[in-house]
């Protein structure tokens, strides 16, 4: 299983600095640049957390289906 929090935090930090750098290169003053970067980081945290949870659910379902399939094929061979 993938860890949700570390992946979401690293995505949020990356997004924060990317938006901050783009904003400062675009000529924004520090306050609006920081506000936008913080909002972008919060959104990135939520999106990355949801994506990791979705991947975990898909992997769990695949593992369950594989175990069921292996269990059913073993019962039929006598």
C-alpha atoms as a PDB file:
ATOM      1  CA  UNK A   1       0.000   0.000   0.000  1.00  0.00           C
ATOM      2  CA  UNK A   2       1.176   3.466  -0.834  1.00  0.00           C
ATOM      3  CA  UNK A   3       1.526   6.000   1.960  1.00  0.00           C
ATOM      4  CA  UNK A   4      -0.927   8.862   1.449  1.00  0.00           C
ATOM      5  CA  UNK A   5       0.517  11.647   3.570  1.00  0.00           C
ATOM      6  CA  UNK A   6       4.179  11.654   2.416  1.00  0.00           C
ATOM      7  CA  UNK A   7       3.203  11.639  -1.249  1.00  0.00           C
ATOM      8  CA  UNK A   8       0.587  14.350  -0.783  1.00  0.00           C
ATOM      9  CA  UNK A   9       2.973  16.549   1.213  1.00  0.00           C
ATOM     10  CA  UNK A  10       5.777  16.248  -1.323  1.00  0.00           C
ATOM     11  CA  UNK A  11       3.355  17.113  -4.130  1.00  0.00           C
ATOM     12  CA  UNK A  12       2.086  20.122  -2.194  1.00  0.00           C
ATOM     13  CA  UNK A  13       5.612  21.369  -1.471  1.00  0.00           C
ATOM     14  CA  UNK A  14       6.569  20.991  -5.119  1.00  0.00           C
ATOM     15  CA  UNK A  15       3.454  22.863  -6.181  1.00  0.00           C
ATOM     16  CA  UNK A  16       4.064  25.624  -3.629  1.00  0.00           C
ATOM     17  CA  UNK A  17       7.560  26.343  -4.881  1.00  0.00           C
ATOM     18  CA  UNK A  18       6.607  26.015  -8.544  1.00  0.00           C
ATOM     19  CA  UNK A  19       3.735  28.492  -8.199  1.00  0.00           C
ATOM     20  CA  UNK A  20       5.888  30.781  -6.060  1.00  0.00           C
ATOM     21  CA  UNK A  21       8.705  30.849  -8.603  1.00  0.00           C
ATOM     22  CA  UNK A  22       6.360  31.398 -11.525  1.00  0.00           C
ATOM     23  CA  UNK A  23       4.599  34.196  -9.636  1.00  0.00           C
ATOM     24  CA  UNK A  24       7.813  35.942  -8.696  1.00  0.00           C
ATOM     25  CA  UNK A  25       9.128  35.665 -12.245  1.00  0.00           C
ATOM     26  CA  UNK A  26       5.819  37.106 -13.434  1.00  0.00           C
ATOM     27  CA  UNK A  27       6.401  40.220 -11.357  1.00  0.00           C
ATOM     28  CA  UNK A  28       3.879  39.673  -8.553  1.00  0.00           C
ATOM     29  CA  UNK A  29       4.515  41.193  -5.163  1.00  0.00           C
ATOM     30  CA  UNK A  30       5.361  38.688  -2.407  1.00  0.00           C
ATOM     31  CA  UNK A  31       1.976  38.680  -0.644  1.00  0.00           C
ATOM     32  CA  UNK A  32      -0.269  37.690  -3.584  1.00  0.00           C
ATOM     33  CA  UNK A  33       2.422  35.325  -4.792  1.00  0.00           C
ATOM     34  CA  UNK A  34       2.503  33.602  -1.389  1.00  0.00           C
ATOM     35  CA  UNK A  35      -1.299  33.500  -1.187  1.00  0.00           C
ATOM     36  CA  UNK A  36      -1.594  31.851  -4.593  1.00  0.00           C
ATOM     37  CA  UNK A  37       1.219  29.425  -3.838  1.00  0.00           C
ATOM     38  CA  UNK A  38      -0.382  28.442  -0.531  1.00  0.00           C
ATOM     39  CA  UNK A  39      -3.777  27.926  -2.154  1.00  0.00           C
ATOM     40  CA  UNK A  40      -2.177  25.898  -4.941  1.00  0.00           C
ATOM     41  CA  UNK A  41      -0.308  23.774  -2.406  1.00  0.00           C
ATOM     42  CA  UNK A  42      -3.507  23.085  -0.456  1.00  0.00           C
ATOM     43  CA  UNK A  43      -5.314  22.030  -3.618  1.00  0.00           C
ATOM     44  CA  UNK A  44      -2.352  19.882  -4.677  1.00  0.00           C
ATOM     45  CA  UNK A  45      -2.353  18.216  -1.239  1.00  0.00           C
ATOM     46  CA  UNK A  46      -6.035  17.334  -1.526  1.00  0.00           C
ATOM     47  CA  UNK A  47      -5.759  16.114  -5.122  1.00  0.00           C
ATOM     48  CA  UNK A  48      -2.621  14.050  -4.461  1.00  0.00           C
ATOM     49  CA  UNK A  49      -4.207  12.499  -1.362  1.00  0.00           C
ATOM     50  CA  UNK A  50      -7.314  11.540  -3.308  1.00  0.00           C
ATOM     51  CA  UNK A  51      -5.220  10.127  -6.157  1.00  0.00           C
ATOM     52  CA  UNK A  52      -3.123   7.976  -3.817  1.00  0.00           C
ATOM     53  CA  UNK A  53      -6.274   6.702  -2.094  1.00  0.00           C
ATOM     54  CA  UNK A  54      -7.736   5.808  -5.489  1.00  0.00           C
ATOM     55  CA  UNK A  55      -4.574   3.953  -6.493  1.00  0.00           C
ATOM     56  CA  UNK A  56      -4.606   2.101  -3.170  1.00  0.00           C
ATOM     57  CA  UNK A  57      -8.233   1.073  -3.733  1.00  0.00           C
ATOM     58  CA  UNK A  58      -7.468  -0.158  -7.249  1.00  0.00           C
ATOM     59  CA  UNK A  59      -4.440  -2.129  -6.039  1.00  0.00           C
ATOM     60  CA  UNK A  60      -6.424  -3.642  -3.179  1.00  0.00           C
ATOM     61  CA  UNK A  61      -9.230  -4.708  -5.518  1.00  0.00           C
ATOM     62  CA  UNK A  62      -6.704  -6.244  -7.916  1.00  0.00           C
ATOM     63  CA  UNK A  63      -5.045  -8.176  -5.092  1.00  0.00           C
ATOM     64  CA  UNK A  64      -8.410  -9.444  -3.835  1.00  0.00           C
ATOM     65  CA  UNK A  65      -9.461 -10.485  -7.351  1.00  0.00           C
ATOM     66  CA  UNK A  66      -6.139 -12.273  -7.851  1.00  0.00           C
ATOM     67  CA  UNK A  67      -6.508 -14.176  -4.562  1.00  0.00           C
ATOM     68  CA  UNK A  68     -10.081 -15.164  -5.416  1.00  0.00           C
ATOM     69  CA  UNK A  69      -9.037 -16.277  -8.890  1.00  0.00           C
ATOM     70  CA  UNK A  70      -6.158 -18.367  -7.491  1.00  0.00           C
ATOM     71  CA  UNK A  71      -8.449 -19.841  -4.861  1.00  0.00           C
ATOM     72  CA  UNK A  72     -11.120 -20.787  -7.413  1.00  0.00           C
ATOM     73  CA  UNK A  73      -8.641 -22.352  -9.836  1.00  0.00           C
ATOM     74  CA  UNK A  74      -7.121 -24.437  -7.028  1.00  0.00           C
ATOM     75  CA  UNK A  75     -10.563 -25.804  -5.979  1.00  0.00           C
ATOM     76  CA  UNK A  76     -11.443 -27.026  -9.468  1.00  0.00           C
ATOM     77  CA  UNK A  77      -8.267 -29.078  -9.901  1.00  0.00           C
ATOM     78  CA  UNK A  78      -8.745 -32.353  -8.035  1.00  0.00           C
END
